[in-house]
């Protein structure tokens, strides 16, 4: 959740997605998974899944922040009225190939980071 909030906040601050932020999410999650779980062979896969979730939630958080800025309302109001389902609908309508590339980057990096951190 921290990685997702940071990812969404960075995107909101610069008003676009960047690959380095997705790499950062993958590194953070993969490193944590590898250090906490040791040499368990399932951890890289868990790291991938958690990273995919964090990048996705970060993109939803970015949408929520953008809506709050656009509507001149608080983030809580956007989350209350739109909910995760509404934010997901907006994400699906606007998703392009690059959104999926950023998901893949985060997952790929998390896999490698988890393997390296456990060594």
C-alpha atoms as a PDB file:
ATOM      1  CA  UNK A   1       0.000   0.000   0.000  1.00  0.00           C
ATOM      2  CA  UNK A   2       2.892   2.336   0.723  1.00  0.00           C
ATOM      3  CA  UNK A   3       4.433   1.601  -2.672  1.00  0.00           C
ATOM      4  CA  UNK A   4       1.054   2.133  -4.369  1.00  0.00           C
ATOM      5  CA  UNK A   5       0.549   5.483  -2.621  1.00  0.00           C
ATOM      6  CA  UNK A   6       4.068   6.587  -3.516  1.00  0.00           C
ATOM      7  CA  UNK A   7       3.602   5.524  -7.141  1.00  0.00           C
ATOM      8  CA  UNK A   8       0.280   7.370  -7.447  1.00  0.00           C
ATOM      9  CA  UNK A   9       1.687  10.426  -5.699  1.00  0.00           C
ATOM     10  CA  UNK A  10       4.705  10.576  -8.000  1.00  0.00           C
ATOM     11  CA  UNK A  11       2.479  10.276 -11.068  1.00  0.00           C
ATOM     12  CA  UNK A  12       0.233  13.036  -9.739  1.00  0.00           C
ATOM     13  CA  UNK A  13       3.202  15.316  -8.991  1.00  0.00           C
ATOM     14  CA  UNK A  14       4.623  15.027 -12.509  1.00  0.00           C
ATOM     15  CA  UNK A  15       1.244  14.465 -14.197  1.00  0.00           C
ATOM     16  CA  UNK A  16       2.289  11.319 -16.064  1.00  0.00           C
ATOM     17  CA  UNK A  17       3.588   7.778 -15.618  1.00  0.00           C
ATOM     18  CA  UNK A  18       7.276   6.988 -15.666  1.00  0.00           C
ATOM     19  CA  UNK A  19       8.947   3.632 -15.902  1.00  0.00           C
ATOM     20  CA  UNK A  20      11.404   4.435 -13.111  1.00  0.00           C
ATOM     21  CA  UNK A  21       8.557   4.666 -10.602  1.00  0.00           C
ATOM     22  CA  UNK A  22       7.271   1.218 -11.631  1.00  0.00           C
ATOM     23  CA  UNK A  23      10.826  -0.096 -11.314  1.00  0.00           C
ATOM     24  CA  UNK A  24      10.982   1.423  -7.823  1.00  0.00           C
ATOM     25  CA  UNK A  25       7.752  -0.296  -6.818  1.00  0.00           C
ATOM     26  CA  UNK A  26       9.057  -3.628  -8.104  1.00  0.00           C
ATOM     27  CA  UNK A  27      12.390  -3.193  -6.328  1.00  0.00           C
ATOM     28  CA  UNK A  28      10.769  -2.243  -3.041  1.00  0.00           C
ATOM     29  CA  UNK A  29       8.334  -5.138  -3.033  1.00  0.00           C
ATOM     30  CA  UNK A  30      10.743  -7.717  -4.422  1.00  0.00           C
ATOM     31  CA  UNK A  31      13.486  -6.755  -1.987  1.00  0.00           C
ATOM     32  CA  UNK A  32      11.096  -6.887   0.972  1.00  0.00           C
ATOM     33  CA  UNK A  33       9.726 -10.268  -0.126  1.00  0.00           C
ATOM     34  CA  UNK A  34      13.216 -11.697  -0.569  1.00  0.00           C
ATOM     35  CA  UNK A  35      14.528 -10.408   2.748  1.00  0.00           C
ATOM     36  CA  UNK A  36      11.478 -11.389   4.778  1.00  0.00           C
ATOM     37  CA  UNK A  37      10.947 -14.820   3.258  1.00  0.00           C
ATOM     38  CA  UNK A  38      14.461 -16.037   2.635  1.00  0.00           C
ATOM     39  CA  UNK A  39      14.995 -18.687  -0.014  1.00  0.00           C
ATOM     40  CA  UNK A  40      11.389 -19.827  -0.353  1.00  0.00           C
ATOM     41  CA  UNK A  41      10.884 -20.489  -4.102  1.00  0.00           C
ATOM     42  CA  UNK A  42       7.339 -19.071  -4.007  1.00  0.00           C
ATOM     43  CA  UNK A  43       8.486 -15.596  -2.952  1.00  0.00           C
ATOM     44  CA  UNK A  44       9.438 -14.259  -6.395  1.00  0.00           C
ATOM     45  CA  UNK A  45       5.944 -15.145  -7.630  1.00  0.00           C
ATOM     46  CA  UNK A  46       4.388 -13.522  -4.560  1.00  0.00           C
ATOM     47  CA  UNK A  47       6.561 -10.468  -5.234  1.00  0.00           C
ATOM     48  CA  UNK A  48       5.262 -10.302  -8.809  1.00  0.00           C
ATOM     49  CA  UNK A  49       1.639 -10.481  -7.662  1.00  0.00           C
ATOM     50  CA  UNK A  50       2.139  -7.861  -4.952  1.00  0.00           C
ATOM     51  CA  UNK A  51       3.964  -5.591  -7.375  1.00  0.00           C
ATOM     52  CA  UNK A  52       1.212  -5.903  -9.987  1.00  0.00           C
ATOM     53  CA  UNK A  53      -1.307  -5.010  -7.302  1.00  0.00           C
ATOM     54  CA  UNK A  54       0.749  -2.044  -6.092  1.00  0.00           C
ATOM     55  CA  UNK A  55       1.253  -0.590  -9.575  1.00  0.00           C
ATOM     56  CA  UNK A  56      -2.453  -1.048 -10.340  1.00  0.00           C
ATOM     57  CA  UNK A  57      -3.525   0.549  -7.042  1.00  0.00           C
ATOM     58  CA  UNK A  58      -1.037   3.343  -7.672  1.00  0.00           C
ATOM     59  CA  UNK A  59      -2.689   4.021 -11.013  1.00  0.00           C
ATOM     60  CA  UNK A  60      -6.104   4.113  -9.304  1.00  0.00           C
ATOM     61  CA  UNK A  61      -4.712   6.470  -6.663  1.00  0.00           C
ATOM     62  CA  UNK A  62      -3.399   8.718  -9.428  1.00  0.00           C
ATOM     63  CA  UNK A  63      -6.872   8.818 -10.980  1.00  0.00           C
ATOM     64  CA  UNK A  64      -8.406   9.664  -7.599  1.00  0.00           C
ATOM     65  CA  UNK A  65      -5.882  12.453  -7.014  1.00  0.00           C
ATOM     66  CA  UNK A  66      -6.489  13.839 -10.502  1.00  0.00           C
ATOM     67  CA  UNK A  67     -10.260  13.814  -9.952  1.00  0.00           C
ATOM     68  CA  UNK A  68      -9.824  15.549  -6.601  1.00  0.00           C
ATOM     69  CA  UNK A  69      -7.682  18.246  -8.226  1.00  0.00           C
ATOM     70  CA  UNK A  70     -10.074  18.641 -11.153  1.00  0.00           C
ATOM     71  CA  UNK A  71     -13.196  18.796  -8.994  1.00  0.00           C
ATOM     72  CA  UNK A  72     -11.511  20.935  -6.342  1.00  0.00           C
ATOM     73  CA  UNK A  73     -12.626  18.460  -3.660  1.00  0.00           C
ATOM     74  CA  UNK A  74     -10.847  16.326  -1.109  1.00  0.00           C
ATOM     75  CA  UNK A  75      -9.453  12.897  -1.848  1.00  0.00           C
ATOM     76  CA  UNK A  76     -11.794  11.366   0.709  1.00  0.00           C
ATOM     77  CA  UNK A  77     -14.814  12.717  -1.134  1.00  0.00           C
ATOM     78  CA  UNK A  78     -13.600  11.245  -4.422  1.00  0.00           C
ATOM     79  CA  UNK A  79     -12.979   7.865  -2.817  1.00  0.00           C
ATOM     80  CA  UNK A  80     -16.353   7.982  -1.073  1.00  0.00           C
ATOM     81  CA  UNK A  81     -18.353   8.874  -4.183  1.00  0.00           C
ATOM     82  CA  UNK A  82     -16.454   6.960  -6.869  1.00  0.00           C
ATOM     83  CA  UNK A  83     -15.233   4.008  -4.829  1.00  0.00           C
ATOM     84  CA  UNK A  84     -12.758   1.482  -6.137  1.00  0.00           C
ATOM     85  CA  UNK A  85     -15.303   0.221  -8.677  1.00  0.00           C
ATOM     86  CA  UNK A  86     -15.761   3.669 -10.196  1.00  0.00           C
ATOM     87  CA  UNK A  87     -12.017   4.300 -10.292  1.00  0.00           C
ATOM     88  CA  UNK A  88     -11.533   0.893 -11.920  1.00  0.00           C
ATOM     89  CA  UNK A  89     -14.127   1.765 -14.569  1.00  0.00           C
ATOM     90  CA  UNK A  90     -12.266   5.002 -15.343  1.00  0.00           C
ATOM     91  CA  UNK A  91      -8.964   3.103 -15.473  1.00  0.00           C
ATOM     92  CA  UNK A  92     -10.397   0.524 -17.885  1.00  0.00           C
ATOM     93  CA  UNK A  93     -11.758   3.214 -20.203  1.00  0.00           C
ATOM     94  CA  UNK A  94      -8.456   5.059 -20.357  1.00  0.00           C
ATOM     95  CA  UNK A  95      -5.995   2.161 -20.151  1.00  0.00           C
ATOM     96  CA  UNK A  96      -3.633   1.843 -23.058  1.00  0.00           C
ATOM     97  CA  UNK A  97      -0.691  -0.408 -23.836  1.00  0.00           C
ATOM     98  CA  UNK A  98       1.675   1.639 -21.693  1.00  0.00           C
ATOM     99  CA  UNK A  99      -0.413   1.016 -18.575  1.00  0.00           C
ATOM    100  CA  UNK A 100       0.095  -2.701 -19.084  1.00  0.00           C
ATOM    101  CA  UNK A 101       3.791  -2.181 -19.820  1.00  0.00           C
ATOM    102  CA  UNK A 102       4.195  -0.436 -16.453  1.00  0.00           C
ATOM    103  CA  UNK A 103       2.410  -3.328 -14.742  1.00  0.00           C
ATOM    104  CA  UNK A 104       4.785  -5.765 -16.458  1.00  0.00           C
ATOM    105  CA  UNK A 105       7.864  -3.705 -15.565  1.00  0.00           C
ATOM    106  CA  UNK A 106       6.933  -3.671 -11.894  1.00  0.00           C
ATOM    107  CA  UNK A 107       6.304  -7.419 -11.867  1.00  0.00           C
ATOM    108  CA  UNK A 108       9.479  -8.258 -13.756  1.00  0.00           C
ATOM    109  CA  UNK A 109      11.653  -6.170 -11.452  1.00  0.00           C
ATOM    110  CA  UNK A 110       9.948  -7.570  -8.341  1.00  0.00           C
ATOM    111  CA  UNK A 111      10.693 -11.134  -9.496  1.00  0.00           C
ATOM    112  CA  UNK A 112      14.382 -10.382 -10.007  1.00  0.00           C
ATOM    113  CA  UNK A 113      14.701  -8.365  -6.803  1.00  0.00           C
ATOM    114  CA  UNK A 114      13.113 -11.123  -4.719  1.00  0.00           C
ATOM    115  CA  UNK A 115      15.499 -13.716  -6.160  1.00  0.00           C
ATOM    116  CA  UNK A 116      18.549 -11.503  -5.571  1.00  0.00           C
ATOM    117  CA  UNK A 117      17.516 -10.439  -2.058  1.00  0.00           C
ATOM    118  CA  UNK A 118      17.097 -14.032  -0.951  1.00  0.00           C
ATOM    119  CA  UNK A 119      20.647 -14.972  -2.039  1.00  0.00           C
END
